[in-house]
Amino acid sequence: MAAVAVAVAGCSSTIDRGRMQRDLAQKDVQFTSRSVQEIEALRPQLEIPFRLAVAPPIWRDDAAWTREEREELEAFGKELREIGLVSEFVLIPSVTYEIGGGSAKGDWFGRLREAAARHHADAVLVVRDIDDTSQWANVLSVLDLTIVGCWFVPGHSAEALSIMQALLIDNRNEYLYASAEGEGTAKDTQPFAYLDGDALRKEARTAALRDLRADLSGKARDVMQARASAAP
């Protein structure tokens, strides 16, 4: 028992943030192929207020936002409408993407733009995320050997990390207006029988989305303040 206690005392989270960042970088938006000169020639063409659509999380097994994520996004949309940046804010349902896409099967960004166009959006907000969880035993886990300890002794800990990145893109010419990043974590210590890694993962995603929203909100307010200062 003492040997087991010493062994588990050194256990901790195994989440590798660097690996997650590298994996997320491999999921970047695939813009239409253009030369550097063509990209530099693109010009912003949105008129404020504009119609903004949010892409569904199509990279997930369940390509739909959770209830908590929807609440966070809808609050963000309300904020953007109140400051006058957008006239309409719509969360694209996954069915629009799945049924209406006419682009090549591998061209997921092209299909997203088509889905946004069907909702009459001027711009599209694409959010990508990656998350990971880690579980480990603490010294109290030795009481799991009593069986009852699995149900009543908080001998196991878990952590979830979610990293999100977002791009605000003109849906007509792919002009990139803004990018943002958010990060969220969730931790818990419970008896083994009650430790829920999936719940922690969802909690971390919501926290990351909240952090991402704060970054985007700050940039949106800067745009509106600069516009107000430039007005005659």
C-alpha atoms as a PDB file:
ATOM      1  CA  MET A   1       0.000   0.000   0.000  1.00  0.00           C
ATOM      2  CA  ALA A   2       2.795   2.410   0.890  1.00  0.00           C
ATOM      3  CA  ALA A   3       4.604   1.635  -2.366  1.00  0.00           C
ATOM      4  CA  VAL A   4       1.452   2.333  -4.379  1.00  0.00           C
ATOM      5  CA  ALA A   5       0.968   5.625  -2.551  1.00  0.00           C
ATOM      6  CA  VAL A   6       4.493   6.749  -3.425  1.00  0.00           C
ATOM      7  CA  ALA A   7       4.011   5.754  -7.049  1.00  0.00           C
ATOM      8  CA  VAL A   8       0.784   7.642  -7.624  1.00  0.00           C
ATOM      9  CA  ALA A   9       1.884  10.740  -5.728  1.00  0.00           C
ATOM     10  CA  GLY A  10       4.000  11.804  -8.687  1.00  0.00           C
ATOM     11  CA  CYS A  11       1.223  11.449 -11.247  1.00  0.00           C
ATOM     12  CA  SER A  12      -0.074  14.610 -12.930  1.00  0.00           C
ATOM     13  CA  SER A  13      -1.568  15.912 -16.145  1.00  0.00           C
ATOM     14  CA  THR A  14      -0.045  14.626 -19.377  1.00  0.00           C
ATOM     15  CA  ILE A  15      -1.659  17.220 -21.669  1.00  0.00           C
ATOM     16  CA  ASP A  16       0.839  18.458 -24.261  1.00  0.00           C
ATOM     17  CA  ARG A  17      -0.116  22.032 -25.238  1.00  0.00           C
ATOM     18  CA  GLY A  18       2.604  22.206 -27.884  1.00  0.00           C
ATOM     19  CA  ARG A  19       1.349  19.090 -29.642  1.00  0.00           C
ATOM     20  CA  MET A  20      -2.190  20.460 -29.556  1.00  0.00           C
ATOM     21  CA  GLN A  21      -1.042  23.706 -31.177  1.00  0.00           C
ATOM     22  CA  ARG A  22       0.727  21.743 -33.918  1.00  0.00           C
ATOM     23  CA  ASP A  23      -2.317  19.546 -34.540  1.00  0.00           C
ATOM     24  CA  LEU A  24      -4.575  22.601 -34.687  1.00  0.00           C
ATOM     25  CA  ALA A  25      -2.258  24.238 -37.214  1.00  0.00           C
ATOM     26  CA  GLN A  26      -2.812  21.264 -39.524  1.00  0.00           C
ATOM     27  CA  LYS A  27      -6.552  22.025 -39.559  1.00  0.00           C
ATOM     28  CA  ASP A  28      -6.214  25.535 -40.976  1.00  0.00           C
ATOM     29  CA  VAL A  29      -8.793  26.986 -43.337  1.00  0.00           C
ATOM     30  CA  GLN A  30      -7.934  26.142 -46.938  1.00  0.00           C
ATOM     31  CA  PHE A  31      -8.394  29.392 -48.831  1.00  0.00           C
ATOM     32  CA  THR A  32      -8.856  29.444 -52.582  1.00  0.00           C
ATOM     33  CA  SER A  33      -5.401  29.146 -54.129  1.00  0.00           C
ATOM     34  CA  ARG A  34      -4.048  32.591 -54.989  1.00  0.00           C
ATOM     35  CA  SER A  35      -0.672  34.179 -55.536  1.00  0.00           C
ATOM     36  CA  VAL A  36       0.751  36.583 -52.970  1.00  0.00           C
ATOM     37  CA  GLN A  37       0.067  39.453 -55.345  1.00  0.00           C
ATOM     38  CA  GLU A  38      -3.587  38.449 -55.696  1.00  0.00           C
ATOM     39  CA  ILE A  39      -3.983  38.184 -51.918  1.00  0.00           C
ATOM     40  CA  GLU A  40      -2.435  41.620 -51.400  1.00  0.00           C
ATOM     41  CA  ALA A  41      -4.800  43.043 -54.012  1.00  0.00           C
ATOM     42  CA  LEU A  42      -7.864  42.009 -51.998  1.00  0.00           C
ATOM     43  CA  ARG A  43      -9.670  44.918 -50.369  1.00  0.00           C
ATOM     44  CA  PRO A  44     -12.221  45.084 -47.549  1.00  0.00           C
ATOM     45  CA  GLN A  45     -15.705  45.550 -48.950  1.00  0.00           C
ATOM     46  CA  LEU A  46     -18.052  45.032 -46.010  1.00  0.00           C
ATOM     47  CA  GLU A  47     -20.398  47.841 -45.126  1.00  0.00           C
ATOM     48  CA  ILE A  48     -21.269  48.246 -41.460  1.00  0.00           C
ATOM     49  CA  PRO A  49     -23.584  46.841 -40.275  1.00  0.00           C
ATOM     50  CA  PHE A  50     -23.158  43.538 -42.102  1.00  0.00           C
ATOM     51  CA  ARG A  51     -24.724  40.092 -41.871  1.00  0.00           C
ATOM     52  CA  LEU A  52     -22.519  37.589 -40.068  1.00  0.00           C
ATOM     53  CA  ALA A  53     -22.823  33.805 -40.070  1.00  0.00           C
ATOM     54  CA  VAL A  54     -20.995  31.421 -37.720  1.00  0.00           C
ATOM     55  CA  ALA A  55     -19.843  28.135 -39.198  1.00  0.00           C
ATOM     56  CA  PRO A  56     -20.907  24.920 -37.432  1.00  0.00           C
ATOM     57  CA  PRO A  57     -18.168  22.804 -35.769  1.00  0.00           C
ATOM     58  CA  ILE A  58     -18.027  20.354 -38.674  1.00  0.00           C
ATOM     59  CA  TRP A  59     -14.659  18.907 -37.579  1.00  0.00           C
ATOM     60  CA  ARG A  60     -16.241  17.324 -34.492  1.00  0.00           C
ATOM     61  CA  ASP A  61     -17.936  13.937 -34.382  1.00  0.00           C
ATOM     62  CA  ASP A  62     -21.112  15.798 -33.404  1.00  0.00           C
ATOM     63  CA  ALA A  63     -21.161  18.769 -35.773  1.00  0.00           C
ATOM     64  CA  ALA A  64     -23.292  20.948 -33.524  1.00  0.00           C
ATOM     65  CA  TRP A  65     -22.575  23.439 -30.781  1.00  0.00           C
ATOM     66  CA  THR A  66     -23.491  22.372 -27.268  1.00  0.00           C
ATOM     67  CA  ARG A  67     -26.244  24.237 -25.446  1.00  0.00           C
ATOM     68  CA  GLU A  68     -23.648  26.154 -23.400  1.00  0.00           C
ATOM     69  CA  GLU A  69     -21.675  27.051 -26.523  1.00  0.00           C
ATOM     70  CA  ARG A  70     -24.817  28.244 -28.308  1.00  0.00           C
ATOM     71  CA  GLU A  71     -25.655  30.475 -25.353  1.00  0.00           C
ATOM     72  CA  GLU A  72     -22.153  31.964 -25.465  1.00  0.00           C
ATOM     73  CA  LEU A  73     -22.323  32.551 -29.218  1.00  0.00           C
ATOM     74  CA  GLU A  74     -25.822  34.040 -29.073  1.00  0.00           C
ATOM     75  CA  ALA A  75     -24.690  36.426 -26.335  1.00  0.00           C
ATOM     76  CA  PHE A  76     -21.789  37.421 -28.604  1.00  0.00           C
ATOM     77  CA  GLY A  77     -24.189  38.044 -31.467  1.00  0.00           C
ATOM     78  CA  LYS A  78     -26.389  40.203 -29.252  1.00  0.00           C
ATOM     79  CA  GLU A  79     -23.352  42.244 -28.238  1.00  0.00           C
ATOM     80  CA  LEU A  80     -22.318  42.794 -31.862  1.00  0.00           C
ATOM     81  CA  ARG A  81     -25.821  43.934 -32.776  1.00  0.00           C
ATOM     82  CA  GLU A  82     -25.964  46.323 -29.819  1.00  0.00           C
ATOM     83  CA  ILE A  83     -22.729  48.077 -30.777  1.00  0.00           C
ATOM     84  CA  GLY A  84     -23.929  48.313 -34.376  1.00  0.00           C
ATOM     85  CA  LEU A  85     -21.313  46.140 -36.080  1.00  0.00           C
ATOM     86  CA  VAL A  86     -23.714  43.526 -37.428  1.00  0.00           C
ATOM     87  CA  SER A  87     -27.332  43.671 -38.520  1.00  0.00           C
ATOM     88  CA  GLU A  88     -27.873  39.917 -38.384  1.00  0.00           C
ATOM     89  CA  PHE A  89     -26.060  37.101 -36.586  1.00  0.00           C
ATOM     90  CA  VAL A  90     -26.887  33.523 -37.512  1.00  0.00           C
ATOM     91  CA  LEU A  91     -25.509  30.178 -36.395  1.00  0.00           C
ATOM     92  CA  ILE A  92     -25.380  28.035 -39.529  1.00  0.00           C
ATOM     93  CA  PRO A  93     -27.036  24.690 -38.785  1.00  0.00           C
ATOM     94  CA  SER A  94     -24.977  21.685 -39.824  1.00  0.00           C
ATOM     95  CA  VAL A  95     -27.802  20.536 -42.107  1.00  0.00           C
ATOM     96  CA  THR A  96     -27.240  23.559 -44.377  1.00  0.00           C
ATOM     97  CA  TYR A  97     -23.616  22.526 -44.776  1.00  0.00           C
ATOM     98  CA  GLU A  98     -24.341  18.826 -45.192  1.00  0.00           C
ATOM     99  CA  ILE A  99     -27.181  19.085 -47.695  1.00  0.00           C
ATOM    100  CA  GLY A 100     -26.464  22.269 -49.609  1.00  0.00           C
ATOM    101  CA  GLY A 101     -22.749  22.004 -50.391  1.00  0.00           C
ATOM    102  CA  GLY A 102     -22.019  21.882 -54.112  1.00  0.00           C
ATOM    103  CA  SER A 103     -18.228  22.267 -53.902  1.00  0.00           C
ATOM    104  CA  ALA A 104     -15.851  19.333 -54.050  1.00  0.00           C
ATOM    105  CA  LYS A 105     -16.150  16.956 -51.125  1.00  0.00           C
ATOM    106  CA  GLY A 106     -12.703  17.843 -49.756  1.00  0.00           C
ATOM    107  CA  ASP A 107     -13.282  21.591 -50.120  1.00  0.00           C
ATOM    108  CA  TRP A 108     -14.947  22.056 -46.735  1.00  0.00           C
ATOM    109  CA  PHE A 109     -14.279  25.812 -46.661  1.00  0.00           C
ATOM    110  CA  GLY A 110     -15.935  26.259 -50.050  1.00  0.00           C
ATOM    111  CA  ARG A 111     -18.955  24.339 -48.796  1.00  0.00           C
ATOM    112  CA  LEU A 112     -19.077  26.530 -45.675  1.00  0.00           C
ATOM    113  CA  ARG A 113     -19.074  29.660 -47.820  1.00  0.00           C
ATOM    114  CA  GLU A 114     -21.935  28.236 -49.872  1.00  0.00           C
ATOM    115  CA  ALA A 115     -23.862  27.476 -46.662  1.00  0.00           C
ATOM    116  CA  ALA A 116     -23.229  31.042 -45.425  1.00  0.00           C
ATOM    117  CA  ALA A 117     -24.425  32.425 -48.761  1.00  0.00           C
ATOM    118  CA  ARG A 118     -27.660  30.464 -48.404  1.00  0.00           C
ATOM    119  CA  HIS A 119     -28.196  32.386 -45.163  1.00  0.00           C
ATOM    120  CA  HIS A 120     -27.470  35.650 -47.059  1.00  0.00           C
ATOM    121  CA  ALA A 121     -24.369  36.343 -44.951  1.00  0.00           C
ATOM    122  CA  ASP A 122     -21.808  38.950 -45.937  1.00  0.00           C
ATOM    123  CA  ALA A 123     -19.107  37.443 -43.708  1.00  0.00           C
ATOM    124  CA  VAL A 124     -18.475  34.129 -42.026  1.00  0.00           C
ATOM    125  CA  LEU A 125     -16.829  33.404 -38.674  1.00  0.00           C
ATOM    126  CA  VAL A 126     -14.947  30.108 -38.717  1.00  0.00           C
ATOM    127  CA  VAL A 127     -13.969  28.684 -35.337  1.00  0.00           C
ATOM    128  CA  ARG A 128     -11.637  25.705 -35.063  1.00  0.00           C
ATOM    129  CA  ASP A 129     -10.814  23.947 -31.825  1.00  0.00           C
ATOM    130  CA  ILE A 130      -8.846  21.082 -30.392  1.00  0.00           C
ATOM    131  CA  ASP A 131      -9.033  19.620 -26.917  1.00  0.00           C
ATOM    132  CA  ASP A 132      -7.441  16.952 -24.793  1.00  0.00           C
ATOM    133  CA  THR A 133      -8.031  15.373 -21.399  1.00  0.00           C
ATOM    134  CA  SER A 134      -5.785  13.730 -18.859  1.00  0.00           C
ATOM    135  CA  GLN A 135      -6.641  11.632 -15.829  1.00  0.00           C
ATOM    136  CA  TRP A 136      -4.347  10.564 -13.021  1.00  0.00           C
ATOM    137  CA  ALA A 137      -4.517   9.027  -9.565  1.00  0.00           C
ATOM    138  CA  ASN A 138      -3.582  10.792  -6.335  1.00  0.00           C
ATOM    139  CA  VAL A 139      -2.443   9.211  -3.081  1.00  0.00           C
ATOM    140  CA  LEU A 140      -6.022   8.510  -1.987  1.00  0.00           C
ATOM    141  CA  SER A 141      -6.472   6.150  -4.910  1.00  0.00           C
ATOM    142  CA  VAL A 142      -4.912   3.343  -2.857  1.00  0.00           C
ATOM    143  CA  LEU A 143      -8.314   3.115  -1.176  1.00  0.00           C
ATOM    144  CA  ASP A 144      -9.741   1.926  -4.504  1.00  0.00           C
ATOM    145  CA  LEU A 145      -8.479  -1.475  -3.375  1.00  0.00           C
ATOM    146  CA  THR A 146     -11.330  -1.508  -0.860  1.00  0.00           C
ATOM    147  CA  ILE A 147     -13.855  -1.264  -3.738  1.00  0.00           C
ATOM    148  CA  VAL A 148     -15.956   1.110  -1.630  1.00  0.00           C
ATOM    149  CA  GLY A 149     -13.191   3.687  -2.150  1.00  0.00           C
ATOM    150  CA  CYS A 150     -13.997   3.819  -5.875  1.00  0.00           C
ATOM    151  CA  TRP A 151     -17.374   5.317  -4.937  1.00  0.00           C
ATOM    152  CA  PHE A 152     -16.604   7.512  -1.948  1.00  0.00           C
ATOM    153  CA  VAL A 153     -12.918   8.510  -1.927  1.00  0.00           C
ATOM    154  CA  PRO A 154     -11.738  11.378  -4.227  1.00  0.00           C
ATOM    155  CA  GLY A 155      -8.666   9.518  -5.359  1.00  0.00           C
ATOM    156  CA  HIS A 156      -8.637  10.515  -9.024  1.00  0.00           C
ATOM    157  CA  SER A 157      -8.080  13.845 -10.768  1.00  0.00           C
ATOM    158  CA  ALA A 158      -8.673  14.978 -14.317  1.00  0.00           C
ATOM    159  CA  GLU A 159      -7.994  18.026 -16.453  1.00  0.00           C
ATOM    160  CA  ALA A 160      -9.255  19.138 -19.855  1.00  0.00           C
ATOM    161  CA  LEU A 161      -7.723  21.794 -22.100  1.00  0.00           C
ATOM    162  CA  SER A 162      -9.389  23.367 -25.131  1.00  0.00           C
ATOM    163  CA  ILE A 163      -7.727  25.716 -27.616  1.00  0.00           C
ATOM    164  CA  MET A 164      -9.818  27.670 -30.132  1.00  0.00           C
ATOM    165  CA  GLN A 165      -8.898  29.843 -33.077  1.00  0.00           C
ATOM    166  CA  ALA A 166     -11.235  31.985 -35.148  1.00  0.00           C
ATOM    167  CA  LEU A 167     -11.109  33.783 -38.490  1.00  0.00           C
ATOM    168  CA  LEU A 168     -13.546  36.472 -39.636  1.00  0.00           C
ATOM    169  CA  ILE A 169     -13.641  36.265 -43.422  1.00  0.00           C
ATOM    170  CA  ASP A 170     -15.479  38.144 -46.149  1.00  0.00           C
ATOM    171  CA  ASN A 171     -17.713  35.502 -47.681  1.00  0.00           C
ATOM    172  CA  ARG A 172     -17.423  36.954 -51.178  1.00  0.00           C
ATOM    173  CA  ASN A 173     -13.720  37.594 -51.716  1.00  0.00           C
ATOM    174  CA  GLU A 174     -12.098  35.789 -48.737  1.00  0.00           C
ATOM    175  CA  TYR A 175     -10.624  38.991 -47.319  1.00  0.00           C
ATOM    176  CA  LEU A 176      -9.454  38.255 -43.778  1.00  0.00           C
ATOM    177  CA  TYR A 177     -10.717  40.896 -41.338  1.00  0.00           C
ATOM    178  CA  ALA A 178      -9.652  39.474 -37.993  1.00  0.00           C
ATOM    179  CA  SER A 179      -8.282  36.448 -36.193  1.00  0.00           C
ATOM    180  CA  ALA A 180      -8.493  35.516 -32.537  1.00  0.00           C
ATOM    181  CA  GLU A 181      -7.571  32.750 -30.130  1.00  0.00           C
ATOM    182  CA  GLY A 182      -9.027  31.495 -26.868  1.00  0.00           C
ATOM    183  CA  GLU A 183      -8.092  28.878 -24.311  1.00  0.00           C
ATOM    184  CA  GLY A 184     -10.040  27.192 -21.554  1.00  0.00           C
ATOM    185  CA  THR A 185      -9.383  24.568 -18.894  1.00  0.00           C
ATOM    186  CA  ALA A 186     -11.492  22.504 -16.531  1.00  0.00           C
ATOM    187  CA  LYS A 187     -10.307  20.406 -13.586  1.00  0.00           C
ATOM    188  CA  ASP A 188     -11.963  18.034 -11.144  1.00  0.00           C
ATOM    189  CA  THR A 189     -11.108  15.551  -8.396  1.00  0.00           C
ATOM    190  CA  GLN A 190     -13.639  12.826  -7.710  1.00  0.00           C
ATOM    191  CA  PRO A 191     -14.008   9.180  -6.710  1.00  0.00           C
ATOM    192  CA  PHE A 192     -13.150   7.012  -9.710  1.00  0.00           C
ATOM    193  CA  ALA A 193     -16.796   6.113 -10.322  1.00  0.00           C
ATOM    194  CA  TYR A 194     -17.846   9.750 -10.763  1.00  0.00           C
ATOM    195  CA  LEU A 195     -14.978  11.208 -12.780  1.00  0.00           C
ATOM    196  CA  ASP A 196     -16.432  12.416 -16.094  1.00  0.00           C
ATOM    197  CA  GLY A 197     -13.857  13.297 -18.742  1.00  0.00           C
ATOM    198  CA  ASP A 198     -16.481  14.180 -21.378  1.00  0.00           C
ATOM    199  CA  ALA A 199     -18.149  16.701 -19.072  1.00  0.00           C
ATOM    200  CA  LEU A 200     -14.770  18.311 -18.380  1.00  0.00           C
ATOM    201  CA  ARG A 201     -14.060  18.478 -22.104  1.00  0.00           C
ATOM    202  CA  LYS A 202     -17.337  20.339 -22.721  1.00  0.00           C
ATOM    203  CA  GLU A 203     -16.644  22.684 -19.811  1.00  0.00           C
ATOM    204  CA  ALA A 204     -13.175  23.474 -21.187  1.00  0.00           C
ATOM    205  CA  ARG A 205     -14.626  24.156 -24.657  1.00  0.00           C
ATOM    206  CA  THR A 206     -17.147  26.603 -23.235  1.00  0.00           C
ATOM    207  CA  ALA A 207     -14.406  28.365 -21.274  1.00  0.00           C
ATOM    208  CA  ALA A 208     -12.246  28.585 -24.413  1.00  0.00           C
ATOM    209  CA  LEU A 209     -15.162  30.002 -26.392  1.00  0.00           C
ATOM    210  CA  ARG A 210     -15.753  32.595 -23.675  1.00  0.00           C
ATOM    211  CA  ASP A 211     -12.080  33.608 -23.876  1.00  0.00           C
ATOM    212  CA  LEU A 212     -12.277  33.731 -27.677  1.00  0.00           C
ATOM    213  CA  ARG A 213     -15.392  35.868 -27.489  1.00  0.00           C
ATOM    214  CA  ALA A 214     -13.617  38.368 -25.217  1.00  0.00           C
ATOM    215  CA  ASP A 215     -10.799  38.708 -27.764  1.00  0.00           C
ATOM    216  CA  LEU A 216     -13.207  39.219 -30.676  1.00  0.00           C
ATOM    217  CA  SER A 217     -15.417  41.591 -28.691  1.00  0.00           C
ATOM    218  CA  GLY A 218     -12.454  43.810 -27.906  1.00  0.00           C
ATOM    219  CA  LYS A 219     -11.492  43.995 -31.570  1.00  0.00           C
ATOM    220  CA  ALA A 220     -15.085  44.705 -32.608  1.00  0.00           C
ATOM    221  CA  ARG A 221     -15.343  47.606 -30.152  1.00  0.00           C
ATOM    222  CA  ASP A 222     -12.024  48.989 -31.401  1.00  0.00           C
ATOM    223  CA  VAL A 223     -13.421  48.995 -34.942  1.00  0.00           C
ATOM    224  CA  MET A 224     -16.560  50.839 -33.877  1.00  0.00           C
ATOM    225  CA  GLN A 225     -14.623  53.382 -31.821  1.00  0.00           C
ATOM    226  CA  ALA A 226     -12.269  54.075 -34.722  1.00  0.00           C
ATOM    227  CA  ARG A 227     -15.265  54.476 -37.024  1.00  0.00           C
ATOM    228  CA  ALA A 228     -16.909  56.909 -34.623  1.00  0.00           C
ATOM    229  CA  SER A 229     -13.698  58.952 -34.349  1.00  0.00           C
ATOM    230  CA  ALA A 230     -13.378  59.173 -38.107  1.00  0.00           C
ATOM    231  CA  ALA A 231     -16.973  60.298 -38.610  1.00  0.00           C
ATOM    232  CA  PRO A 232     -17.366  63.988 -39.540  1.00  0.00           C
END
